[in-house]
Every structure is written in C-alpha cells, then in structure tokens.
C-alpha cells in the first residue's frame, strides 16, 4: 500500500477524487440539458408563436428606412439551428431584433441595419473561414438580399 506524505492511501484518494469529479460532471450535464430544454420551451412561447411559425421563413425588410437600397432578406430559424439562440437574441428575451434595434437611434443601441450586418456577416464570415465549402453568404449583397421590387 502506497501512502503519501500525510499518510493517506493514494489509490483510495484517487478513487474518491474520481468519484467526486464524476458526480460534478453528471450534475453539470443534467443542469445543461434542463437549461437547454427550458430555453427551447421559452423560445416556443414567443408571443404565442407556434413551432411552425418559428420555423417559417421570416422576411427581414428595410421597413422604416427612408432609402430602401436593398430587397428583403429571407431568414429561417431552421437553417440556423446549429447556432445558439443567445447569439442573436443576446438579451435572453426572444423578441424581434427591431424591438430594441431601431432604424434611427440616439442612445447606445446599434441601429438595426448595422446590428444585422455585424452579427450575420461576422458569423457567416467565420463559418466560411472554418469551412471553405460553407454556403453562408457574406461578401455580396445578393447572397442574402432579394432583388428590390421597383414600384
């Protein structure tokens, strides 16, 4: 039997430490799964939206801008299911971006156009850097924006 300087059995200490770490890891995993399930449930309750509505194509338009230079962007949550919700809904509330990011703002909040471009393009650019085969557009406007309808 090996004993350390303090006279403890080293094998027994390793077994105890391993058991404690296993319990801590298990608790973290269970908490993580519960938190994840809670977040998905919360996302499904957004303004009374059904799952089908959440998965539907969202049209992000330049409504409210005096100059509409580009057409709308078609966005689906389904295409972004590998992205953590908090990456876009950074306040923890599942509101539309336009609830906080207005077209014109005088406070510290970033205007919606710049918020979308910074967040979306930044993420798409990082994906492309990780994987050249990625179809995440970020260079050309037409990669995201539909052609503007002339009136």
N, C-alpha and C. Protein backbone atom coordinates (compact mmCIF):
# COMPACT_ATOMS: atom_id res chain seq x y z
N UNK A 1 0.84 -1.18 0.00
CA UNK A 1 0.00 0.00 0.00
C UNK A 1 0.89 1.25 0.00
N UNK A 2 0.67 2.11 -1.00
CA UNK A 2 1.45 3.35 -1.07
C UNK A 2 0.75 4.41 -0.24
N UNK A 3 1.51 5.15 0.49
CA UNK A 3 0.93 6.25 1.25
C UNK A 3 1.69 7.51 0.93
N UNK A 4 0.98 8.62 0.95
CA UNK A 4 1.61 9.91 0.67
C UNK A 4 2.27 10.45 1.91
N UNK A 5 2.74 11.69 1.83
CA UNK A 5 3.43 12.32 2.96
C UNK A 5 2.53 12.41 4.20
N UNK A 6 1.24 12.65 3.97
CA UNK A 6 0.33 12.79 5.12
C UNK A 6 -0.16 11.44 5.61
N UNK A 7 0.25 10.36 4.96
CA UNK A 7 -0.12 9.03 5.42
C UNK A 7 -1.42 8.52 4.81
N UNK A 8 -1.96 9.16 3.77
CA UNK A 8 -3.18 8.71 3.13
C UNK A 8 -2.86 7.68 2.06
N UNK A 9 -3.78 6.76 1.85
CA UNK A 9 -3.66 5.76 0.80
C UNK A 9 -3.92 6.46 -0.53
N UNK A 10 -2.92 6.54 -1.41
CA UNK A 10 -3.04 7.28 -2.68
C UNK A 10 -4.10 6.67 -3.59
N UNK A 11 -4.22 5.36 -3.65
CA UNK A 11 -5.21 4.71 -4.51
C UNK A 11 -6.61 5.09 -4.06
N UNK A 12 -6.82 5.08 -2.74
CA UNK A 12 -8.14 5.44 -2.20
C UNK A 12 -8.45 6.90 -2.51
N UNK A 13 -7.46 7.78 -2.40
CA UNK A 13 -7.66 9.20 -2.68
C UNK A 13 -8.01 9.43 -4.15
N UNK A 14 -7.34 8.70 -5.05
CA UNK A 14 -7.62 8.83 -6.49
C UNK A 14 -9.04 8.36 -6.78
N UNK A 15 -9.45 7.28 -6.15
CA UNK A 15 -10.81 6.75 -6.33
C UNK A 15 -11.85 7.76 -5.86
N UNK A 16 -11.62 8.36 -4.71
CA UNK A 16 -12.55 9.36 -4.16
C UNK A 16 -12.60 10.59 -5.07
N UNK A 17 -11.44 11.08 -5.48
CA UNK A 17 -11.39 12.26 -6.37
C UNK A 17 -12.11 11.97 -7.68
N UNK A 18 -11.89 10.80 -8.22
CA UNK A 18 -12.54 10.41 -9.47
C UNK A 18 -14.05 10.35 -9.29
N UNK A 19 -14.51 9.83 -8.17
CA UNK A 19 -15.96 9.75 -7.90
C UNK A 19 -16.56 11.14 -7.77
N UNK A 20 -15.88 12.02 -7.05
CA UNK A 20 -16.36 13.39 -6.87
C UNK A 20 -16.45 14.10 -8.23
N UNK A 21 -15.43 13.96 -9.06
CA UNK A 21 -15.44 14.59 -10.38
C UNK A 21 -16.56 14.02 -11.25
N UNK A 22 -16.81 12.73 -11.17
CA UNK A 22 -17.89 12.11 -11.93
C UNK A 22 -19.24 12.68 -11.50
N UNK A 23 -19.45 12.84 -10.21
CA UNK A 23 -20.71 13.41 -9.71
C UNK A 23 -20.86 14.85 -10.18
N UNK A 24 -19.81 15.64 -10.08
CA UNK A 24 -19.86 17.04 -10.52
C UNK A 24 -20.17 17.11 -12.01
N UNK A 25 -19.50 16.30 -12.81
CA UNK A 25 -19.73 16.27 -14.25
C UNK A 25 -21.17 15.88 -14.56
N UNK A 26 -21.70 14.89 -13.87
CA UNK A 26 -23.08 14.44 -14.08
C UNK A 26 -24.08 15.55 -13.76
N UNK A 27 -23.84 16.25 -12.66
CA UNK A 27 -24.72 17.35 -12.28
C UNK A 27 -24.69 18.44 -13.35
N UNK A 28 -23.50 18.77 -13.84
CA UNK A 28 -23.38 19.79 -14.89
C UNK A 28 -24.11 19.37 -16.16
N UNK A 29 -23.99 18.11 -16.54
CA UNK A 29 -24.68 17.62 -17.74
C UNK A 29 -26.19 17.70 -17.58
N UNK A 30 -26.69 17.26 -16.43
CA UNK A 30 -28.13 17.29 -16.18
C UNK A 30 -28.62 18.73 -16.16
N UNK A 31 -27.88 19.62 -15.51
CA UNK A 31 -28.27 21.03 -15.47
C UNK A 31 -28.26 21.62 -16.87
N UNK A 32 -27.25 21.28 -17.67
CA UNK A 32 -27.16 21.78 -19.04
C UNK A 32 -28.33 21.33 -19.89
N UNK A 33 -28.71 20.07 -19.76
CA UNK A 33 -29.85 19.56 -20.53
C UNK A 33 -31.14 20.24 -20.08
N UNK A 34 -31.30 20.42 -18.79
CA UNK A 34 -32.51 21.07 -18.27
C UNK A 34 -32.56 22.52 -18.74
N UNK A 35 -31.42 23.21 -18.71
CA UNK A 35 -31.37 24.60 -19.15
C UNK A 35 -31.69 24.68 -20.63
N UNK A 36 -31.13 23.77 -21.42
CA UNK A 36 -31.37 23.75 -22.86
C UNK A 36 -32.85 23.52 -23.15
N UNK A 37 -33.47 22.57 -22.47
CA UNK A 37 -34.89 22.27 -22.67
C UNK A 37 -35.73 23.48 -22.27
N UNK A 38 -35.35 24.16 -21.18
CA UNK A 38 -36.08 25.34 -20.73
C UNK A 38 -35.99 26.45 -21.77
N UNK A 39 -34.82 26.64 -22.37
CA UNK A 39 -34.64 27.68 -23.38
C UNK A 39 -35.47 27.37 -24.63
N UNK A 40 -35.50 26.10 -25.05
CA UNK A 40 -36.30 25.73 -26.22
C UNK A 40 -37.78 25.96 -25.94
N UNK A 41 -38.22 25.59 -24.72
CA UNK A 41 -39.62 25.79 -24.36
C UNK A 41 -39.95 27.28 -24.35
N UNK A 42 -39.04 28.08 -23.80
CA UNK A 42 -39.24 29.53 -23.76
C UNK A 42 -39.30 30.10 -25.18
N UNK A 43 -38.44 29.60 -26.06
CA UNK A 43 -38.44 30.06 -27.45
C UNK A 43 -39.75 29.72 -28.14
N UNK A 44 -40.34 28.58 -27.81
CA UNK A 44 -41.60 28.17 -28.42
C UNK A 44 -42.77 29.00 -27.93
N UNK A 45 -42.60 29.71 -26.81
CA UNK A 45 -43.68 30.51 -26.26
C UNK A 45 -43.62 31.96 -26.71
N UNK A 46 -42.70 32.30 -27.58
CA UNK A 46 -42.52 33.68 -28.01
C UNK A 46 -43.81 34.24 -28.59
N UNK A 47 -44.34 35.23 -27.95
CA UNK A 47 -45.52 35.94 -28.41
C UNK A 47 -46.59 34.99 -28.92
N UNK A 48 -46.72 33.83 -28.29
CA UNK A 48 -47.76 32.88 -28.68
C UNK A 48 -47.51 32.21 -30.02
N UNK A 49 -46.28 32.25 -30.52
CA UNK A 49 -45.98 31.66 -31.81
C UNK A 49 -45.94 30.14 -31.71
N UNK A 50 -46.42 29.48 -32.73
CA UNK A 50 -46.32 28.03 -32.80
C UNK A 50 -44.96 27.66 -33.35
N UNK A 51 -44.59 26.40 -33.21
CA UNK A 51 -43.33 25.93 -33.74
C UNK A 51 -43.28 26.13 -35.26
N UNK A 52 -44.39 25.90 -35.93
CA UNK A 52 -44.44 26.08 -37.38
C UNK A 52 -44.15 27.53 -37.76
N UNK A 53 -44.69 28.47 -36.97
CA UNK A 53 -44.45 29.89 -37.24
C UNK A 53 -42.99 30.25 -37.02
N UNK A 54 -42.39 29.66 -35.99
CA UNK A 54 -40.98 29.93 -35.71
C UNK A 54 -40.11 29.38 -36.83
N UNK A 55 -40.48 28.21 -37.35
CA UNK A 55 -39.68 27.58 -38.40
C UNK A 55 -39.96 28.16 -39.79
N UNK A 56 -40.99 28.97 -39.91
CA UNK A 56 -41.32 29.57 -41.20
C UNK A 56 -40.26 30.59 -41.62
N UNK A 57 -40.27 30.92 -42.88
CA UNK A 57 -39.34 31.93 -43.41
C UNK A 57 -39.75 33.30 -42.88
N UNK A 58 -38.82 33.98 -42.27
CA UNK A 58 -39.05 35.34 -41.77
C UNK A 58 -38.53 36.31 -42.82
N UNK A 59 -39.27 37.38 -43.07
CA UNK A 59 -38.82 38.38 -44.03
C UNK A 59 -38.26 39.56 -43.25
N UNK A 60 -36.98 39.79 -43.40
CA UNK A 60 -36.34 40.93 -42.75
C UNK A 60 -36.28 42.03 -43.80
N UNK A 61 -37.06 43.07 -43.57
CA UNK A 61 -37.21 44.12 -44.57
C UNK A 61 -36.59 45.42 -44.08
N UNK A 62 -36.42 46.33 -44.98
CA UNK A 62 -35.85 47.64 -44.64
C UNK A 62 -36.97 48.64 -44.34
N UNK A 63 -38.08 48.13 -43.81
CA UNK A 63 -39.22 48.97 -43.47
C UNK A 63 -38.81 50.07 -42.49
N UNK A 64 -39.24 51.27 -42.77
CA UNK A 64 -38.93 52.38 -41.88
C UNK A 64 -37.74 53.20 -42.33
N UNK A 65 -36.96 52.70 -43.25
CA UNK A 65 -35.82 53.46 -43.75
C UNK A 65 -36.28 54.37 -44.88
N UNK A 66 -35.71 55.55 -44.93
CA UNK A 66 -36.09 56.49 -45.98
C UNK A 66 -35.56 56.01 -47.34
N UNK A 67 -34.43 55.34 -47.34
CA UNK A 67 -33.85 54.84 -48.59
C UNK A 67 -33.81 53.31 -48.52
N UNK A 68 -34.56 52.69 -49.40
CA UNK A 68 -34.56 51.24 -49.45
C UNK A 68 -33.67 50.82 -50.61
N UNK A 69 -32.41 50.61 -50.30
CA UNK A 69 -31.45 50.29 -51.35
C UNK A 69 -31.45 48.80 -51.70
N UNK A 70 -31.77 47.98 -50.76
CA UNK A 70 -31.72 46.53 -50.97
C UNK A 70 -33.07 45.90 -50.67
N UNK A 71 -33.30 44.74 -51.28
CA UNK A 71 -34.53 44.00 -51.03
C UNK A 71 -34.47 43.29 -49.68
N UNK A 72 -35.56 42.62 -49.31
CA UNK A 72 -35.62 41.94 -48.01
C UNK A 72 -34.70 40.72 -47.96
N UNK A 73 -34.45 40.25 -46.75
CA UNK A 73 -33.65 39.05 -46.52
C UNK A 73 -34.59 37.97 -46.00
N UNK A 74 -34.52 36.79 -46.62
CA UNK A 74 -35.32 35.66 -46.14
C UNK A 74 -34.49 34.92 -45.10
N UNK A 75 -35.04 34.77 -43.92
CA UNK A 75 -34.33 34.15 -42.80
C UNK A 75 -35.17 33.00 -42.25
N UNK A 76 -34.54 31.87 -41.98
CA UNK A 76 -35.23 30.77 -41.31
C UNK A 76 -34.44 30.34 -40.09
N UNK A 77 -35.15 30.10 -39.00
CA UNK A 77 -34.50 29.58 -37.81
C UNK A 77 -33.99 28.17 -38.07
N UNK A 78 -34.70 27.43 -38.93
CA UNK A 78 -34.33 26.06 -39.23
C UNK A 78 -32.93 25.98 -39.84
N UNK A 79 -32.60 26.91 -40.72
CA UNK A 79 -31.28 26.92 -41.34
C UNK A 79 -30.19 27.31 -40.34
N UNK A 80 -30.59 27.87 -39.22
CA UNK A 80 -29.64 28.34 -38.21
C UNK A 80 -29.74 27.53 -36.92
N UNK A 81 -30.24 26.29 -37.00
CA UNK A 81 -30.47 25.51 -35.79
C UNK A 81 -29.20 25.12 -35.05
N UNK A 82 -28.05 25.22 -35.70
CA UNK A 82 -26.80 24.90 -35.02
C UNK A 82 -26.24 26.11 -34.26
N UNK A 83 -26.86 27.25 -34.43
CA UNK A 83 -26.43 28.47 -33.75
C UNK A 83 -27.22 28.60 -32.46
N UNK A 84 -26.53 28.87 -31.38
CA UNK A 84 -27.21 29.06 -30.08
C UNK A 84 -28.10 30.30 -30.17
N UNK A 85 -29.32 30.18 -29.66
CA UNK A 85 -30.29 31.28 -29.72
C UNK A 85 -29.71 32.58 -29.17
N UNK A 86 -28.92 32.47 -28.11
CA UNK A 86 -28.37 33.63 -27.42
C UNK A 86 -27.42 34.43 -28.31
N UNK A 87 -26.91 33.83 -29.37
CA UNK A 87 -26.01 34.54 -30.28
C UNK A 87 -26.73 35.69 -30.97
N UNK A 88 -28.00 35.50 -31.27
CA UNK A 88 -28.77 36.58 -31.90
C UNK A 88 -29.66 37.27 -30.88
N UNK A 89 -30.35 36.47 -30.07
CA UNK A 89 -31.23 37.02 -29.03
C UNK A 89 -30.37 37.24 -27.78
N UNK A 90 -29.43 38.15 -27.88
CA UNK A 90 -28.38 38.32 -26.87
C UNK A 90 -28.87 38.86 -25.53
N UNK A 91 -30.11 39.35 -25.47
CA UNK A 91 -30.62 39.84 -24.19
C UNK A 91 -31.27 38.73 -23.38
N UNK A 92 -31.47 37.57 -24.02
CA UNK A 92 -32.13 36.46 -23.35
C UNK A 92 -33.63 36.47 -23.59
N UNK A 93 -34.15 37.56 -24.12
CA UNK A 93 -35.56 37.63 -24.49
C UNK A 93 -35.67 37.23 -25.96
N UNK A 94 -36.74 36.57 -26.30
CA UNK A 94 -36.90 36.12 -27.68
C UNK A 94 -37.81 37.07 -28.44
N UNK A 95 -37.35 38.31 -28.55
CA UNK A 95 -38.11 39.32 -29.26
C UNK A 95 -37.49 39.52 -30.64
N UNK A 96 -38.24 40.20 -31.49
CA UNK A 96 -37.68 40.57 -32.79
C UNK A 96 -36.57 41.57 -32.53
N UNK A 97 -35.56 41.54 -33.38
CA UNK A 97 -34.42 42.45 -33.22
C UNK A 97 -34.88 43.92 -33.22
N UNK A 98 -35.91 44.20 -34.03
CA UNK A 98 -36.37 45.58 -34.17
C UNK A 98 -37.04 46.12 -32.90
N UNK A 99 -37.29 45.26 -31.91
CA UNK A 99 -37.85 45.73 -30.64
C UNK A 99 -36.86 46.65 -29.92
N UNK A 100 -35.56 46.36 -30.06
CA UNK A 100 -34.53 47.19 -29.42
C UNK A 100 -33.74 48.00 -30.44
N UNK A 101 -33.36 47.34 -31.51
CA UNK A 101 -32.54 47.98 -32.54
C UNK A 101 -33.45 48.70 -33.53
N UNK A 102 -33.61 49.98 -33.33
CA UNK A 102 -34.49 50.78 -34.19
C UNK A 102 -33.75 51.22 -35.45
N UNK A 103 -34.53 51.78 -36.40
CA UNK A 103 -33.90 52.31 -37.61
C UNK A 103 -33.04 53.52 -37.27
N UNK A 104 -33.58 54.38 -36.46
CA UNK A 104 -32.85 55.57 -36.02
C UNK A 104 -32.80 55.54 -34.50
N UNK A 105 -31.62 55.70 -33.96
CA UNK A 105 -31.49 55.66 -32.51
C UNK A 105 -30.48 56.69 -32.05
N UNK A 106 -30.73 57.24 -30.88
CA UNK A 106 -29.82 58.25 -30.36
C UNK A 106 -29.04 57.75 -29.15
N UNK A 107 -29.44 56.59 -28.63
CA UNK A 107 -28.75 56.07 -27.45
C UNK A 107 -27.65 55.10 -27.88
N UNK A 108 -27.20 54.28 -26.96
CA UNK A 108 -26.08 53.36 -27.19
C UNK A 108 -26.45 52.17 -28.09
N UNK A 109 -27.73 51.95 -28.34
CA UNK A 109 -28.18 50.79 -29.11
C UNK A 109 -27.78 50.95 -30.58
N UNK A 110 -27.24 49.90 -31.13
CA UNK A 110 -26.81 49.92 -32.54
C UNK A 110 -28.05 49.89 -33.44
N UNK A 111 -28.02 50.68 -34.50
CA UNK A 111 -29.13 50.67 -35.46
C UNK A 111 -29.29 49.27 -36.02
N UNK A 112 -30.52 48.93 -36.36
CA UNK A 112 -30.83 47.57 -36.78
C UNK A 112 -30.02 47.12 -38.00
N UNK A 113 -29.86 47.98 -38.96
CA UNK A 113 -29.12 47.62 -40.18
C UNK A 113 -27.69 47.19 -39.82
N UNK A 114 -27.05 47.96 -38.96
CA UNK A 114 -25.68 47.65 -38.58
C UNK A 114 -25.61 46.42 -37.67
N UNK A 115 -26.64 46.24 -36.84
CA UNK A 115 -26.69 45.06 -35.96
C UNK A 115 -26.76 43.79 -36.80
N UNK A 116 -27.64 43.79 -37.80
CA UNK A 116 -27.75 42.63 -38.68
C UNK A 116 -26.45 42.39 -39.44
N UNK A 117 -25.94 43.44 -40.04
CA UNK A 117 -24.73 43.27 -40.85
C UNK A 117 -23.55 42.81 -40.00
N UNK A 118 -23.40 43.37 -38.82
CA UNK A 118 -22.27 42.97 -37.97
C UNK A 118 -22.42 41.54 -37.48
N UNK A 119 -23.61 41.20 -36.99
CA UNK A 119 -23.82 39.88 -36.42
C UNK A 119 -23.88 38.80 -37.50
N UNK A 120 -24.72 38.99 -38.49
CA UNK A 120 -24.91 37.96 -39.53
C UNK A 120 -23.66 37.78 -40.38
N UNK A 121 -23.16 38.88 -40.90
CA UNK A 121 -21.97 38.78 -41.77
C UNK A 121 -20.77 38.26 -41.00
N UNK A 122 -20.62 38.71 -39.76
CA UNK A 122 -19.49 38.25 -38.94
C UNK A 122 -19.54 36.75 -38.73
N UNK A 123 -20.71 36.24 -38.42
CA UNK A 123 -20.87 34.80 -38.20
C UNK A 123 -20.66 34.02 -39.50
N UNK A 124 -21.25 34.50 -40.58
CA UNK A 124 -21.10 33.82 -41.88
C UNK A 124 -19.64 33.83 -42.33
N UNK A 125 -18.96 34.92 -42.08
CA UNK A 125 -17.54 35.01 -42.47
C UNK A 125 -16.70 34.01 -41.67
N UNK A 126 -16.99 33.89 -40.38
CA UNK A 126 -16.28 32.93 -39.54
C UNK A 126 -16.54 31.50 -40.00
N UNK A 127 -17.80 31.21 -40.39
CA UNK A 127 -18.13 29.88 -40.89
C UNK A 127 -17.36 29.56 -42.17
N UNK A 128 -17.27 30.54 -43.04
CA UNK A 128 -16.56 30.36 -44.31
C UNK A 128 -15.07 30.14 -44.05
N UNK A 129 -14.54 30.82 -43.06
CA UNK A 129 -13.12 30.67 -42.72
C UNK A 129 -12.85 29.26 -42.18
N UNK A 130 -13.80 28.75 -41.37
CA UNK A 130 -13.68 27.39 -40.82
C UNK A 130 -13.81 26.33 -41.90
N UNK A 131 -14.74 26.59 -42.84
CA UNK A 131 -15.06 25.60 -43.86
C UNK A 131 -15.31 26.29 -45.19
N UNK A 132 -14.38 26.15 -46.09
CA UNK A 132 -14.49 26.80 -47.41
C UNK A 132 -15.75 26.38 -48.16
N UNK A 133 -16.27 25.18 -47.87
CA UNK A 133 -17.46 24.66 -48.55
C UNK A 133 -18.76 25.28 -48.01
N UNK A 134 -18.68 26.04 -46.94
CA UNK A 134 -19.86 26.64 -46.34
C UNK A 134 -20.60 27.51 -47.35
N UNK A 135 -21.91 27.43 -47.32
CA UNK A 135 -22.73 28.24 -48.23
C UNK A 135 -23.24 29.51 -47.54
N UNK A 136 -22.69 29.83 -46.39
CA UNK A 136 -23.10 31.02 -45.65
C UNK A 136 -22.58 32.26 -46.39
N UNK A 137 -23.49 33.06 -46.97
CA UNK A 137 -23.06 34.22 -47.75
C UNK A 137 -22.62 35.38 -46.85
N UNK A 138 -21.62 36.12 -47.30
CA UNK A 138 -21.24 37.32 -46.55
C UNK A 138 -20.58 38.37 -47.42
N UNK A 139 -20.16 38.04 -48.61
CA UNK A 139 -19.43 39.01 -49.44
C UNK A 139 -20.32 39.89 -50.29
N UNK A 140 -21.27 39.30 -50.97
CA UNK A 140 -22.09 40.07 -51.90
C UNK A 140 -23.48 40.27 -51.32
N UNK A 141 -24.03 41.45 -51.54
CA UNK A 141 -25.36 41.78 -51.01
C UNK A 141 -26.40 40.77 -51.47
N UNK A 142 -26.31 40.37 -52.74
CA UNK A 142 -27.34 39.48 -53.30
C UNK A 142 -27.29 38.08 -52.69
N UNK A 143 -26.25 37.77 -51.93
CA UNK A 143 -26.19 36.49 -51.23
C UNK A 143 -27.27 36.36 -50.18
N UNK A 144 -27.69 37.48 -49.62
CA UNK A 144 -28.75 37.49 -48.60
C UNK A 144 -29.98 38.25 -49.06
N UNK A 145 -29.75 39.42 -49.65
CA UNK A 145 -30.85 40.30 -50.05
C UNK A 145 -31.46 39.88 -51.37
N UNK A 146 -32.81 39.83 -51.39
CA UNK A 146 -33.53 39.57 -52.63
C UNK A 146 -33.46 40.84 -53.47
N UNK A 147 -33.72 40.71 -54.74
CA UNK A 147 -33.72 41.88 -55.61
C UNK A 147 -34.86 42.80 -55.20
N UNK A 148 -34.56 44.08 -55.13
CA UNK A 148 -35.56 45.05 -54.71
C UNK A 148 -36.65 45.19 -55.78
N UNK A 149 -37.89 45.20 -55.34
CA UNK A 149 -39.01 45.36 -56.25
C UNK A 149 -39.20 46.83 -56.57
N UNK A 150 -39.16 47.17 -57.84
CA UNK A 150 -39.36 48.58 -58.24
C UNK A 150 -40.84 48.85 -58.33
N UNK A 151 -41.23 50.00 -57.85
CA UNK A 151 -42.66 50.35 -57.85
C UNK A 151 -43.03 51.21 -59.00
